[in-house]
Amino acid sequence: MPTQKMDGQSATIPSRGQFFIELLSAIILTRIPYLSVPFKWLESYFHELSHGLATLLSGGVVSHIQLFPNGAGLCFSQGGWSVLIGFAGYFGAALWGLLIFNLAIWRRGIRASFACLGIGVLLTVLFWGRDLLTIGILGILALLFLLPLKLSHSHILTVSLRVMALMVMLNALASPTVLLGLNGRGDAVMLAQQTWIPAWIWVGIWLLTSLSMLWLCWRRIDSAAK
């Protein structure tokens, strides 16, 4: 794996070929029954977390979040700007995936990145976890971030975190399409009611967002290889 100096920091950048191998691995892992479930929880967590952060940023109050075994989730809140809150879920999940990917190519900060993500999940349990099922799911996600810290080789850490980030973006890409089959439910329908913009346009925007995040990951790899 080539290592390059960028902006005074030591960053580990995979080759183009390795990026496609990791992307293919992420695609396969998202399709394997049972094994893919924790990663669906991860995308759902970042989705609901984004709803919660948008609520707080727009002046609202978050009561709690709820996660389900099938990868669905809910964010219970009051106040705030409903359009921003509704849009933030799928957009935020894709953005979190991009952020995690960029953290994964920051060699000196890889362990700190895992630690911060794990601590962030634990803080979510503390402030927004109420039911035992949600707390259990969040506990598993925290372990998903914290257990790799026990690995002795940073190469394993960087690869696992990059694949995890790609899986979050891929799930964020696939999830909005489910909304097209929902009648009268989901973020897209709520946004359509609030803005008079058809639900399929909102779904299209989210799909383009997720594709753009994946493209930005590729551009970072491609630029470093030149």
Protein backbone atom coordinates (compact mmCIF):
# COMPACT_ATOMS: atom_id res chain seq x y z
CA MET A 1 0.00 0.00 0.00
CA PRO A 2 1.61 3.32 -1.04
CA THR A 3 2.10 5.96 1.60
CA GLN A 4 2.29 9.61 0.64
CA LYS A 5 2.82 12.91 2.43
CA MET A 6 -0.13 15.24 2.17
CA ASP A 7 -0.57 18.60 3.92
CA GLY A 8 2.11 17.79 6.45
CA GLN A 9 0.29 14.68 7.60
CA SER A 10 1.12 11.06 6.89
CA ALA A 11 -1.79 9.59 4.92
CA THR A 12 -2.15 6.01 3.78
CA ILE A 13 -3.72 5.97 0.33
CA PRO A 14 -4.70 2.66 -1.29
CA SER A 15 -3.98 2.02 -4.95
CA ARG A 16 -6.73 2.18 -7.56
CA GLY A 17 -6.84 -1.60 -7.75
CA GLN A 18 -7.04 -1.99 -3.99
CA PHE A 19 -9.87 0.54 -3.84
CA PHE A 20 -11.92 -1.52 -6.30
CA ILE A 21 -11.17 -4.70 -4.33
CA GLU A 22 -12.36 -3.00 -1.15
CA LEU A 23 -15.45 -1.67 -2.93
CA LEU A 24 -16.24 -5.15 -4.26
CA SER A 25 -15.73 -6.58 -0.76
CA ALA A 26 -18.13 -3.99 0.63
CA ILE A 27 -20.73 -4.85 -2.02
CA ILE A 28 -20.44 -8.57 -1.25
CA LEU A 29 -20.60 -8.03 2.52
CA THR A 30 -23.77 -5.94 2.20
CA ARG A 31 -25.41 -8.87 0.39
CA ILE A 32 -24.51 -11.68 2.81
CA PRO A 33 -27.46 -12.56 5.09
CA TYR A 34 -26.90 -12.12 8.82
CA LEU A 35 -23.30 -10.92 8.35
CA SER A 36 -24.56 -7.72 6.72
CA VAL A 37 -27.01 -6.94 9.56
CA PRO A 38 -24.58 -5.01 11.83
CA PHE A 39 -23.61 -2.82 8.87
CA LYS A 40 -27.27 -2.08 8.13
CA TRP A 41 -27.54 -1.05 11.77
CA LEU A 42 -24.53 1.20 11.20
CA GLU A 43 -26.18 3.01 8.29
CA SER A 44 -29.44 3.24 10.24
CA TYR A 45 -27.55 4.66 13.22
CA PHE A 46 -25.90 7.38 11.14
CA HIS A 47 -29.26 8.05 9.46
CA GLU A 48 -31.05 8.61 12.77
CA LEU A 49 -28.07 10.44 14.25
CA SER A 50 -28.21 12.85 11.30
CA HIS A 51 -31.92 13.43 11.95
CA GLY A 52 -31.06 14.15 15.58
CA LEU A 53 -28.21 16.54 14.81
CA ALA A 54 -30.34 18.39 12.25
CA THR A 55 -33.05 18.72 14.90
CA LEU A 56 -30.61 20.24 17.38
CA LEU A 57 -29.05 22.54 14.78
CA SER A 58 -32.47 23.90 13.80
CA GLY A 59 -33.55 24.56 17.38
CA GLY A 60 -35.44 21.38 18.20
CA VAL A 61 -35.11 18.81 20.98
CA VAL A 62 -34.37 15.10 20.55
CA SER A 63 -36.12 12.72 22.92
CA HIS A 64 -34.53 9.43 21.84
CA ILE A 65 -33.72 7.23 18.87
CA GLN A 66 -34.90 3.70 18.27
CA LEU A 67 -33.23 1.03 16.15
CA PHE A 68 -34.77 -2.25 14.96
CA PRO A 69 -33.22 -5.62 14.05
CA ASN A 70 -34.19 -5.27 10.37
CA GLY A 71 -32.11 -2.10 9.97
CA ALA A 72 -34.96 0.38 10.34
CA GLY A 73 -34.86 3.22 12.83
CA LEU A 74 -36.74 6.20 14.25
CA CYS A 75 -35.74 9.52 15.74
CA PHE A 76 -38.23 11.04 18.20
CA SER A 77 -37.98 14.80 18.45
CA GLN A 78 -39.90 18.04 18.89
CA GLY A 79 -39.44 21.33 17.09
CA GLY A 80 -36.78 22.19 14.57
CA TRP A 81 -37.07 22.72 10.82
CA SER A 82 -38.88 19.68 9.49
CA VAL A 83 -37.49 19.99 5.95
CA LEU A 84 -33.88 20.02 7.15
CA ILE A 85 -34.57 17.18 9.60
CA GLY A 86 -36.26 15.01 6.97
CA PHE A 87 -33.56 15.61 4.37
CA ALA A 88 -30.66 15.04 6.78
CA GLY A 89 -31.20 11.30 7.30
CA TYR A 90 -30.05 9.78 4.01
CA PHE A 91 -27.84 12.74 3.14
CA GLY A 92 -26.13 12.56 6.52
CA ALA A 93 -25.55 8.80 6.33
CA ALA A 94 -23.73 9.18 3.00
CA LEU A 95 -21.74 12.12 4.38
CA TRP A 96 -20.74 10.10 7.46
CA GLY A 97 -19.50 7.36 5.13
CA LEU A 98 -17.31 9.86 3.27
CA LEU A 99 -15.98 11.24 6.55
CA ILE A 100 -15.09 7.78 7.85
CA PHE A 101 -13.36 6.93 4.57
CA ASN A 102 -11.20 10.05 4.82
CA LEU A 103 -10.39 9.23 8.43
CA ALA A 104 -9.30 5.79 7.28
CA ILE A 105 -6.59 7.27 5.05
CA TRP A 106 -5.25 9.46 7.86
CA ARG A 107 -2.56 7.11 9.09
CA ARG A 108 -1.59 8.88 12.29
CA GLY A 109 -5.18 9.37 13.35
CA ILE A 110 -6.61 5.95 12.56
CA ARG A 111 -6.72 4.67 16.13
CA ALA A 112 -8.07 7.99 17.40
CA SER A 113 -10.74 7.87 14.67
CA PHE A 114 -11.92 4.42 15.77
CA ALA A 115 -11.92 5.55 19.39
CA CYS A 116 -13.90 8.74 18.67
CA LEU A 117 -16.50 6.85 16.63
CA GLY A 118 -16.89 4.23 19.36
CA ILE A 119 -17.18 6.88 22.07
CA GLY A 120 -19.71 8.75 19.92
CA VAL A 121 -21.92 5.65 19.79
CA LEU A 122 -21.62 5.21 23.57
CA LEU A 123 -22.63 8.86 24.08
CA THR A 124 -25.66 8.20 21.89
CA VAL A 125 -26.59 5.35 24.24
CA LEU A 126 -26.23 7.70 27.20
CA PHE A 127 -28.29 10.57 25.82
CA TRP A 128 -30.70 9.03 23.32
CA GLY A 129 -30.91 5.31 24.07
CA ARG A 130 -34.06 4.28 25.95
CA ASP A 131 -35.19 0.75 25.08
CA LEU A 132 -33.08 -2.35 25.64
CA LEU A 133 -33.10 -3.41 21.98
CA THR A 134 -31.71 -0.08 20.79
CA ILE A 135 -29.13 -0.04 23.58
CA GLY A 136 -28.08 -3.57 22.61
CA ILE A 137 -27.70 -2.65 18.93
CA LEU A 138 -25.73 0.47 19.80
CA GLY A 139 -23.54 -1.61 22.09
CA ILE A 140 -22.69 -3.94 19.19
CA LEU A 141 -21.89 -0.95 16.98
CA ALA A 142 -19.62 0.49 19.67
CA LEU A 143 -17.78 -2.84 19.80
CA LEU A 144 -17.51 -2.75 16.00
CA PHE A 145 -15.45 0.42 16.34
CA LEU A 146 -13.62 -0.27 19.59
CA LEU A 147 -12.58 -3.91 19.14
CA PRO A 148 -10.28 -3.18 16.14
CA LEU A 149 -8.20 -1.04 18.51
CA LYS A 150 -6.91 -4.32 19.94
CA LEU A 151 -5.41 -5.22 16.57
CA SER A 152 -1.68 -4.70 16.45
CA HIS A 153 -1.31 -3.77 12.79
CA SER A 154 -2.55 -0.42 11.55
CA HIS A 155 -2.90 -1.87 8.01
CA ILE A 156 -5.77 -4.04 9.22
CA LEU A 157 -7.33 -1.03 10.90
CA THR A 158 -7.21 1.14 7.80
CA VAL A 159 -8.58 -1.52 5.45
CA SER A 160 -11.41 -2.51 7.81
CA LEU A 161 -12.41 1.11 8.36
CA ARG A 162 -12.36 1.91 4.63
CA VAL A 163 -14.54 -1.13 3.85
CA MET A 164 -16.87 -0.13 6.69
CA ALA A 165 -17.15 3.40 5.26
CA LEU A 166 -17.90 2.06 1.77
CA MET A 167 -20.59 -0.22 3.23
CA VAL A 168 -22.23 2.76 4.95
CA MET A 169 -22.30 4.66 1.63
CA LEU A 170 -23.59 1.63 -0.28
CA ASN A 171 -26.39 1.10 2.26
CA ALA A 172 -27.18 4.83 2.07
CA LEU A 173 -27.36 4.38 -1.71
CA ALA A 174 -29.70 1.40 -1.54
CA SER A 175 -31.98 2.46 1.33
CA PRO A 176 -33.78 5.42 -0.35
CA THR A 177 -34.98 3.16 -3.17
CA VAL A 178 -37.10 1.29 -0.62
CA LEU A 179 -39.09 4.50 -0.15
CA LEU A 180 -40.44 4.23 -3.70
CA GLY A 181 -42.43 1.19 -2.58
CA LEU A 182 -43.89 2.83 0.52
CA ASN A 183 -47.33 4.36 0.29
CA GLY A 184 -47.74 7.48 2.41
CA ARG A 185 -44.72 6.78 4.63
CA GLY A 186 -41.06 7.69 4.86
CA ASP A 187 -38.87 10.77 4.73
CA ALA A 188 -39.49 11.39 1.03
CA VAL A 189 -43.27 11.48 1.49
CA MET A 190 -42.95 13.82 4.47
CA LEU A 191 -40.70 16.16 2.48
CA ALA A 192 -43.12 16.08 -0.46
CA GLN A 193 -45.93 17.12 1.87
CA GLN A 194 -43.83 19.93 3.33
CA THR A 195 -42.40 21.32 0.09
CA TRP A 196 -44.72 20.18 -2.75
CA ILE A 197 -41.65 18.65 -4.42
CA PRO A 198 -42.51 15.06 -5.48
CA ALA A 199 -41.11 12.27 -3.32
CA TRP A 200 -39.25 10.66 -6.24
CA ILE A 201 -37.20 13.84 -6.67
CA TRP A 202 -36.05 13.67 -3.05
CA VAL A 203 -35.16 10.01 -3.54
CA GLY A 204 -33.20 10.97 -6.65
CA ILE A 205 -31.31 13.66 -4.75
CA TRP A 206 -30.33 11.16 -2.06
CA LEU A 207 -29.18 8.64 -4.66
CA LEU A 208 -27.07 11.30 -6.38
CA THR A 209 -25.65 12.31 -3.00
CA SER A 210 -24.53 8.76 -2.21
CA LEU A 211 -23.05 8.30 -5.69
CA SER A 212 -21.24 11.63 -5.32
CA MET A 213 -19.73 10.54 -2.01
CA LEU A 214 -18.45 7.32 -3.61
CA TRP A 215 -17.08 9.34 -6.52
CA LEU A 216 -15.27 11.69 -4.13
CA CYS A 217 -13.64 8.67 -2.49
CA TRP A 218 -12.50 7.48 -5.90
CA ARG A 219 -11.22 10.96 -6.85
CA ARG A 220 -9.12 11.03 -3.70
CA ILE A 221 -7.58 7.68 -4.60
CA ASP A 222 -7.17 8.53 -8.29
CA SER A 223 -5.55 11.93 -7.58
CA ALA A 224 -3.05 10.39 -5.17
CA ALA A 225 -2.07 7.77 -7.77
CA LYS A 226 -1.16 10.34 -10.43
